[in-house]
PDB file of N, CA and C in Angstrom:
ATOM      1  N   MET A   1     -21.741  -7.549  -9.657  1.00  0.00           N
ATOM      2  CA  MET A   1     -21.476  -6.984 -10.970  1.00  0.00           C
ATOM      3  C   MET A   1     -19.966  -6.742 -11.116  1.00  0.00           C
ATOM      4  N   ALA A   2     -19.418  -7.137 -12.227  1.00  0.00           N
ATOM      5  CA  ALA A   2     -17.980  -7.019 -12.467  1.00  0.00           C
ATOM      6  C   ALA A   2     -17.605  -5.568 -12.752  1.00  0.00           C
ATOM      7  N   THR A   3     -16.471  -5.173 -12.219  1.00  0.00           N
ATOM      8  CA  THR A   3     -15.968  -3.839 -12.506  1.00  0.00           C
ATOM      9  C   THR A   3     -15.385  -3.823 -13.916  1.00  0.00           C
ATOM     10  N   ILE A   4     -15.160  -2.638 -14.437  1.00  0.00           N
ATOM     11  CA  ILE A   4     -14.567  -2.502 -15.760  1.00  0.00           C
ATOM     12  C   ILE A   4     -13.208  -3.186 -15.792  1.00  0.00           C
ATOM     13  N   LEU A   5     -12.408  -3.001 -14.754  1.00  0.00           N
ATOM     14  CA  LEU A   5     -11.084  -3.618 -14.704  1.00  0.00           C
ATOM     15  C   LEU A   5     -11.181  -5.144 -14.750  1.00  0.00           C
ATOM     16  N   GLU A   6     -12.127  -5.720 -14.026  1.00  0.00           N
ATOM     17  CA  GLU A   6     -12.304  -7.167 -14.044  1.00  0.00           C
ATOM     18  C   GLU A   6     -12.701  -7.661 -15.433  1.00  0.00           C
ATOM     19  N   ARG A   7     -13.568  -6.910 -16.123  1.00  0.00           N
ATOM     20  CA  ARG A   7     -13.980  -7.297 -17.479  1.00  0.00           C
ATOM     21  C   ARG A   7     -12.802  -7.204 -18.444  1.00  0.00           C
ATOM     22  N   ILE A   8     -12.002  -6.152 -18.298  1.00  0.00           N
ATOM     23  CA  ILE A   8     -10.827  -6.002 -19.167  1.00  0.00           C
ATOM     24  C   ILE A   8      -9.865  -7.154 -18.944  1.00  0.00           C
ATOM     25  N   LYS A   9      -9.635  -7.513 -17.686  1.00  0.00           N
ATOM     26  CA  LYS A   9      -8.741  -8.633 -17.387  1.00  0.00           C
ATOM     27  C   LYS A   9      -9.239  -9.923 -18.017  1.00  0.00           C
ATOM     28  N   ARG A  10     -10.537 -10.183 -17.931  1.00  0.00           N
ATOM     29  CA  ARG A  10     -11.099 -11.399 -18.531  1.00  0.00           C
ATOM     30  C   ARG A  10     -10.896 -11.401 -20.041  1.00  0.00           C
ATOM     31  N   GLU A  11     -11.140 -10.261 -20.670  1.00  0.00           N
ATOM     32  CA  GLU A  11     -10.962 -10.170 -22.125  1.00  0.00           C
ATOM     33  C   GLU A  11      -9.491 -10.300 -22.497  1.00  0.00           C
ATOM     34  N   ALA A  12      -8.598  -9.726 -21.690  1.00  0.00           N
ATOM     35  CA  ALA A  12      -7.162  -9.785 -21.980  1.00  0.00           C
ATOM     36  C   ALA A  12      -6.650 -11.218 -21.930  1.00  0.00           C
ATOM     37  N   GLU A  13      -7.266 -12.060 -21.134  1.00  0.00           N
ATOM     38  CA  GLU A  13      -6.859 -13.462 -21.056  1.00  0.00           C
ATOM     39  C   GLU A  13      -7.073 -14.185 -22.380  1.00  0.00           C
ATOM     40  N   LYS A  14      -7.939 -13.672 -23.224  1.00  0.00           N
ATOM     41  CA  LYS A  14      -8.241 -14.288 -24.520  1.00  0.00           C
ATOM     42  C   LYS A  14      -7.234 -13.885 -25.600  1.00  0.00           C
ATOM     43  N   LEU A  15      -6.396 -12.897 -25.317  1.00  0.00           N
ATOM     44  CA  LEU A  15      -5.456 -12.391 -26.314  1.00  0.00           C
ATOM     45  C   LEU A  15      -4.256 -13.311 -26.480  1.00  0.00           C
ATOM     46  N   THR A  16      -3.688 -13.267 -27.669  1.00  0.00           N
ATOM     47  CA  THR A  16      -2.432 -13.979 -27.903  1.00  0.00           C
ATOM     48  C   THR A  16      -1.323 -13.197 -27.206  1.00  0.00           C
ATOM     49  N   PRO A  17      -0.166 -13.816 -26.995  1.00  0.00           N
ATOM     50  CA  PRO A  17       0.939 -13.071 -26.376  1.00  0.00           C
ATOM     51  C   PRO A  17       1.306 -11.806 -27.164  1.00  0.00           C
ATOM     52  N   GLU A  18       1.279 -11.883 -28.478  1.00  0.00           N
ATOM     53  CA  GLU A  18       1.614 -10.719 -29.299  1.00  0.00           C
ATOM     54  C   GLU A  18       0.585  -9.606 -29.120  1.00  0.00           C
ATOM     55  N   GLU A  19      -0.695  -9.971 -29.089  1.00  0.00           N
ATOM     56  CA  GLU A  19      -1.748  -8.978 -28.887  1.00  0.00           C
ATOM     57  C   GLU A  19      -1.642  -8.351 -27.499  1.00  0.00           C
ATOM     58  N   LEU A  20      -1.309  -9.181 -26.524  1.00  0.00           N
ATOM     59  CA  LEU A  20      -1.161  -8.681 -25.164  1.00  0.00           C
ATOM     60  C   LEU A  20       0.000  -7.695 -25.062  1.00  0.00           C
ATOM     61  N   LEU A  21       1.101  -7.988 -25.733  1.00  0.00           N
ATOM     62  CA  LEU A  21       2.231  -7.054 -25.746  1.00  0.00           C
ATOM     63  C   LEU A  21       1.848  -5.727 -26.395  1.00  0.00           C
ATOM     64  N   LYS A  22       1.089  -5.787 -27.475  1.00  0.00           N
ATOM     65  CA  LYS A  22       0.640  -4.553 -28.127  1.00  0.00           C
ATOM     66  C   LYS A  22      -0.257  -3.747 -27.181  1.00  0.00           C
ATOM     67  N   LEU A  23      -1.118  -4.439 -26.451  1.00  0.00           N
ATOM     68  CA  LEU A  23      -2.007  -3.769 -25.504  1.00  0.00           C
ATOM     69  C   LEU A  23      -1.210  -3.107 -24.388  1.00  0.00           C
ATOM     70  N   VAL A  24      -0.244  -3.826 -23.843  1.00  0.00           N
ATOM     71  CA  VAL A  24       0.611  -3.275 -22.784  1.00  0.00           C
ATOM     72  C   VAL A  24       1.363  -2.059 -23.307  1.00  0.00           C
ATOM     73  N   ASP A  25       1.882  -2.156 -24.522  1.00  0.00           N
ATOM     74  CA  ASP A  25       2.590  -1.040 -25.139  1.00  0.00           C
ATOM     75  C   ASP A  25       1.678   0.179 -25.249  1.00  0.00           C
ATOM     76  N   GLU A  26       0.447  -0.040 -25.687  1.00  0.00           N
ATOM     77  CA  GLU A  26      -0.525   1.058 -25.815  1.00  0.00           C
ATOM     78  C   GLU A  26      -0.808   1.690 -24.453  1.00  0.00           C
ATOM     79  N   PHE A  27      -1.003   0.861 -23.441  1.00  0.00           N
ATOM     80  CA  PHE A  27      -1.280   1.387 -22.099  1.00  0.00           C
ATOM     81  C   PHE A  27      -0.101   2.194 -21.557  1.00  0.00           C
ATOM     82  N   ILE A  28       1.103   1.706 -21.777  1.00  0.00           N
ATOM     83  CA  ILE A  28       2.282   2.432 -21.300  1.00  0.00           C
ATOM     84  C   ILE A  28       2.388   3.784 -21.986  1.00  0.00           C
ATOM     85  N   HIS A  29       2.141   3.808 -23.307  1.00  0.00           N
ATOM     86  CA  HIS A  29       2.190   5.086 -24.019  1.00  0.00           C
ATOM     87  C   HIS A  29       1.120   6.055 -23.504  1.00  0.00           C
ATOM     88  N   ARG A  30      -0.049   5.537 -23.204  1.00  0.00           N
ATOM     89  CA  ARG A  30      -1.103   6.404 -22.639  1.00  0.00           C
ATOM     90  C   ARG A  30      -0.697   6.937 -21.272  1.00  0.00           C
ATOM     91  N   LEU A  31      -0.089   6.074 -20.461  1.00  0.00           N
ATOM     92  CA  LEU A  31       0.382   6.522 -19.148  1.00  0.00           C
ATOM     93  C   LEU A  31       1.443   7.609 -19.287  1.00  0.00           C
ATOM     94  N   LEU A  32       2.354   7.408 -20.206  1.00  0.00           N
ATOM     95  CA  LEU A  32       3.412   8.396 -20.438  1.00  0.00           C
ATOM     96  C   LEU A  32       2.825   9.734 -20.865  1.00  0.00           C
ATOM     97  N   GLU A  33       1.865   9.690 -21.786  1.00  0.00           N
ATOM     98  CA  GLU A  33       1.235  10.927 -22.255  1.00  0.00           C
ATOM     99  C   GLU A  33       0.536  11.651 -21.106  1.00  0.00           C
ATOM    100  N   LYS A  34      -0.239  10.920 -20.337  1.00  0.00           N
ATOM    101  CA  LYS A  34      -0.969  11.544 -19.225  1.00  0.00           C
ATOM    102  C   LYS A  34      -0.012  12.063 -18.169  1.00  0.00           C
ATOM    103  N   GLN A  35       1.022  11.292 -17.885  1.00  0.00           N
ATOM    104  CA  GLN A  35       1.979  11.677 -16.851  1.00  0.00           C
ATOM    105  C   GLN A  35       2.740  12.936 -17.252  1.00  0.00           C
ATOM    106  N   THR A  36       3.186  12.994 -18.511  1.00  0.00           N
ATOM    107  CA  THR A  36       3.970  14.157 -18.933  1.00  0.00           C
ATOM    108  C   THR A  36       3.101  15.398 -19.028  1.00  0.00           C
ATOM    109  N   VAL A  37       1.843  15.237 -19.402  1.00  0.00           N
ATOM    110  CA  VAL A  37       0.951  16.396 -19.462  1.00  0.00           C
ATOM    111  C   VAL A  37       0.651  16.880 -18.054  1.00  0.00           C
ATOM    112  N   LYS A  38       0.438  15.954 -17.137  1.00  0.00           N
ATOM    113  CA  LYS A  38       0.044  16.301 -15.778  1.00  0.00           C
ATOM    114  C   LYS A  38       1.189  16.907 -14.969  1.00  0.00           C
ATOM    115  N   HIS A  39       2.344  16.282 -15.017  1.00  0.00           N
ATOM    116  CA  HIS A  39       3.444  16.700 -14.159  1.00  0.00           C
ATOM    117  C   HIS A  39       4.680  17.153 -14.919  1.00  0.00           C
ATOM    118  N   ASN A  40       4.646  16.979 -16.239  1.00  0.00           N
ATOM    119  CA  ASN A  40       5.788  17.305 -17.090  1.00  0.00           C
ATOM    120  C   ASN A  40       7.037  16.530 -16.682  1.00  0.00           C
ATOM    121  N   LYS A  41       6.843  15.436 -15.978  1.00  0.00           N
ATOM    122  CA  LYS A  41       7.939  14.561 -15.578  1.00  0.00           C
ATOM    123  C   LYS A  41       7.366  13.163 -15.385  1.00  0.00           C
ATOM    124  N   PHE A  42       8.084  12.177 -15.883  1.00  0.00           N
ATOM    125  CA  PHE A  42       7.616  10.808 -15.735  1.00  0.00           C
ATOM    126  C   PHE A  42       8.601  10.020 -14.891  1.00  0.00           C
ATOM    127  N   ASP A  43       8.096   9.324 -13.918  1.00  0.00           N
ATOM    128  CA  ASP A  43       8.918   8.484 -13.049  1.00  0.00           C
ATOM    129  C   ASP A  43       8.845   7.045 -13.542  1.00  0.00           C
ATOM    130  N   VAL A  44       9.920   6.583 -14.167  1.00  0.00           N
ATOM    131  CA  VAL A  44       9.950   5.235 -14.743  1.00  0.00           C
ATOM    132  C   VAL A  44       9.746   4.162 -13.675  1.00  0.00           C
ATOM    133  N   ASN A  45      10.053   4.454 -12.454  1.00  0.00           N
ATOM    134  CA  ASN A  45       9.882   3.479 -11.373  1.00  0.00           C
ATOM    135  C   ASN A  45       8.426   3.087 -11.167  1.00  0.00           C
ATOM    136  N   ARG A  46       7.508   3.938 -11.618  1.00  0.00           N
ATOM    137  CA  ARG A  46       6.090   3.620 -11.453  1.00  0.00           C
ATOM    138  C   ARG A  46       5.634   2.515 -12.396  1.00  0.00           C
ATOM    139  N   VAL A  47       6.333   2.307 -13.517  1.00  0.00           N
ATOM    140  CA  VAL A  47       5.950   1.254 -14.457  1.00  0.00           C
ATOM    141  C   VAL A  47       7.001   0.145 -14.533  1.00  0.00           C
ATOM    142  N   TYR A  48       8.084   0.299 -13.792  1.00  0.00           N
ATOM    143  CA  TYR A  48       9.151  -0.697 -13.809  1.00  0.00           C
ATOM    144  C   TYR A  48       8.601  -2.060 -13.406  1.00  0.00           C
ATOM    145  N   GLY A  49       8.874  -3.056 -14.219  1.00  0.00           N
ATOM    146  CA  GLY A  49       8.458  -4.416 -13.913  1.00  0.00           C
ATOM    147  C   GLY A  49       7.067  -4.790 -14.389  1.00  0.00           C
ATOM    148  N   LEU A  50       6.331  -3.863 -15.003  1.00  0.00           N
ATOM    149  CA  LEU A  50       4.977  -4.176 -15.454  1.00  0.00           C
ATOM    150  C   LEU A  50       4.953  -5.305 -16.479  1.00  0.00           C
ATOM    151  N   GLY A  51       5.968  -5.384 -17.313  1.00  0.00           N
ATOM    152  CA  GLY A  51       5.992  -6.400 -18.351  1.00  0.00           C
ATOM    153  C   GLY A  51       6.762  -7.644 -17.974  1.00  0.00           C
ATOM    154  N   LYS A  52       7.086  -7.782 -16.697  1.00  0.00           N
ATOM    155  CA  LYS A  52       7.878  -8.927 -16.255  1.00  0.00           C
ATOM    156  C   LYS A  52       7.196 -10.233 -16.684  1.00  0.00           C
ATOM    157  N   GLY A  53       7.961 -11.075 -17.319  1.00  0.00           N
ATOM    158  CA  GLY A  53       7.429 -12.366 -17.744  1.00  0.00           C
ATOM    159  C   GLY A  53       6.831 -12.382 -19.134  1.00  0.00           C
ATOM    160  N   LEU A  54       6.574 -11.207 -19.716  1.00  0.00           N
ATOM    161  CA  LEU A  54       5.971 -11.170 -21.042  1.00  0.00           C
ATOM    162  C   LEU A  54       6.885 -11.757 -22.106  1.00  0.00           C
ATOM    163  N   TRP A  55       8.180 -11.668 -21.901  1.00  0.00           N
ATOM    164  CA  TRP A  55       9.133 -12.144 -22.897  1.00  0.00           C
ATOM    165  C   TRP A  55       9.619 -13.550 -22.612  1.00  0.00           C
ATOM    166  N   HIS A  56       9.111 -14.186 -21.573  1.00  0.00           N
ATOM    167  CA  HIS A  56       9.548 -15.544 -21.229  1.00  0.00           C
ATOM    168  C   HIS A  56       9.283 -16.478 -22.409  1.00  0.00           C
ATOM    169  N   ASN A  57      10.320 -17.199 -22.830  1.00  0.00           N
ATOM    170  CA  ASN A  57      10.235 -18.140 -23.955  1.00  0.00           C
ATOM    171  C   ASN A  57       9.859 -17.480 -25.273  1.00  0.00           C
ATOM    172  N   LYS A  58      10.162 -16.211 -25.441  1.00  0.00           N
ATOM    173  CA  LYS A  58       9.882 -15.488 -26.680  1.00  0.00           C
ATOM    174  C   LYS A  58      11.190 -15.092 -27.342  1.00  0.00           C
ATOM    175  N   ASP A  59      11.199 -15.121 -28.661  1.00  0.00           N
ATOM    176  CA  ASP A  59      12.337 -14.647 -29.426  1.00  0.00           C
ATOM    177  C   ASP A  59      12.115 -13.159 -29.674  1.00  0.00           C
ATOM    178  N   VAL A  60      12.822 -12.334 -28.957  1.00  0.00           N
ATOM    179  CA  VAL A  60      12.615 -10.885 -29.012  1.00  0.00           C
ATOM    180  C   VAL A  60      12.908 -10.348 -30.405  1.00  0.00           C
ATOM    181  N   GLN A  61      13.956 -10.829 -31.039  1.00  0.00           N
ATOM    182  CA  GLN A  61      14.289 -10.337 -32.381  1.00  0.00           C
ATOM    183  C   GLN A  61      13.165 -10.654 -33.365  1.00  0.00           C
ATOM    184  N   ASP A  62      12.587 -11.837 -33.268  1.00  0.00           N
ATOM    185  CA  ASP A  62      11.463 -12.207 -34.127  1.00  0.00           C
ATOM    186  C   ASP A  62      10.283 -11.272 -33.896  1.00  0.00           C
ATOM    187  N   TYR A  63      10.021 -10.937 -32.638  1.00  0.00           N
ATOM    188  CA  TYR A  63       8.929 -10.017 -32.306  1.00  0.00           C
ATOM    189  C   TYR A  63       9.167  -8.642 -32.923  1.00  0.00           C
ATOM    190  N   VAL A  64      10.376  -8.136 -32.829  1.00  0.00           N
ATOM    191  CA  VAL A  64      10.706  -6.820 -33.383  1.00  0.00           C
ATOM    192  C   VAL A  64      10.531  -6.836 -34.900  1.00  0.00           C
ATOM    193  N   ILE A  65      10.977  -7.892 -35.539  1.00  0.00           N
ATOM    194  CA  ILE A  65      10.824  -8.004 -36.993  1.00  0.00           C
ATOM    195  C   ILE A  65       9.343  -7.983 -37.375  1.00  0.00           C
ATOM    196  N   ARG A  66       8.506  -8.725 -36.634  1.00  0.00           N
ATOM    197  CA  ARG A  66       7.064  -8.733 -36.924  1.00  0.00           C
ATOM    198  C   ARG A  66       6.449  -7.356 -36.710  1.00  0.00           C
ATOM    199  N   LEU A  67       6.861  -6.644 -35.671  1.00  0.00           N
ATOM    200  CA  LEU A  67       6.332  -5.302 -35.437  1.00  0.00           C
ATOM    201  C   LEU A  67       6.667  -4.381 -36.595  1.00  0.00           C
ATOM    202  N   ARG A  68       7.894  -4.464 -37.076  1.00  0.00           N
ATOM    203  CA  ARG A  68       8.308  -3.617 -38.192  1.00  0.00           C
ATOM    204  C   ARG A  68       7.538  -3.967 -39.463  1.00  0.00           C
ATOM    205  N   GLU A  69       7.292  -5.250 -39.682  1.00  0.00           N
ATOM    206  CA  GLU A  69       6.524  -5.661 -40.853  1.00  0.00           C
ATOM    207  C   GLU A  69       5.104  -5.127 -40.778  1.00  0.00           C
ATOM    208  N   ASP A  70       4.509  -5.127 -39.587  1.00  0.00           N
ATOM    209  CA  ASP A  70       3.143  -4.643 -39.410  1.00  0.00           C
ATOM    210  C   ASP A  70       3.004  -3.160 -39.767  1.00  0.00           C
ATOM    211  N   ARG A  71       4.075  -2.393 -39.568  1.00  0.00           N
ATOM    212  CA  ARG A  71       4.012  -0.952 -39.873  1.00  0.00           C
ATOM    213  C   ARG A  71       3.845  -0.696 -41.353  1.00  0.00           C
ATOM    214  N   PHE A  72       4.296  -1.605 -42.186  1.00  0.00           N
ATOM    215  CA  PHE A  72       4.277  -1.378 -43.626  1.00  0.00           C
ATOM    216  C   PHE A  72       3.131  -2.086 -44.334  1.00  0.00           C
ATOM    217  N   LYS A  73       2.227  -2.629 -43.578  1.00  0.00           N
ATOM    218  CA  LYS A  73       1.057  -3.318 -44.185  1.00  0.00           C
ATOM    219  C   LYS A  73      -0.055  -2.356 -44.412  1.00  0.00           C
TER     220      LYS A  73
END
């Protein structure tokens, strides 16, 4: 039987790069919230490198523009 993490990984493989970035962003924000509530201090080294490779062959400025457009829809 697959663990929850294994099922999430399988589903995440179906996401577009943009959707995957949004998911990673959401997870990081949740980690930050839990970490600051728990210890009132967040160690950036614990998440450093998590997004490595996500921006490979991506136009970052285009991504930022799309994110801003999504806020006003």
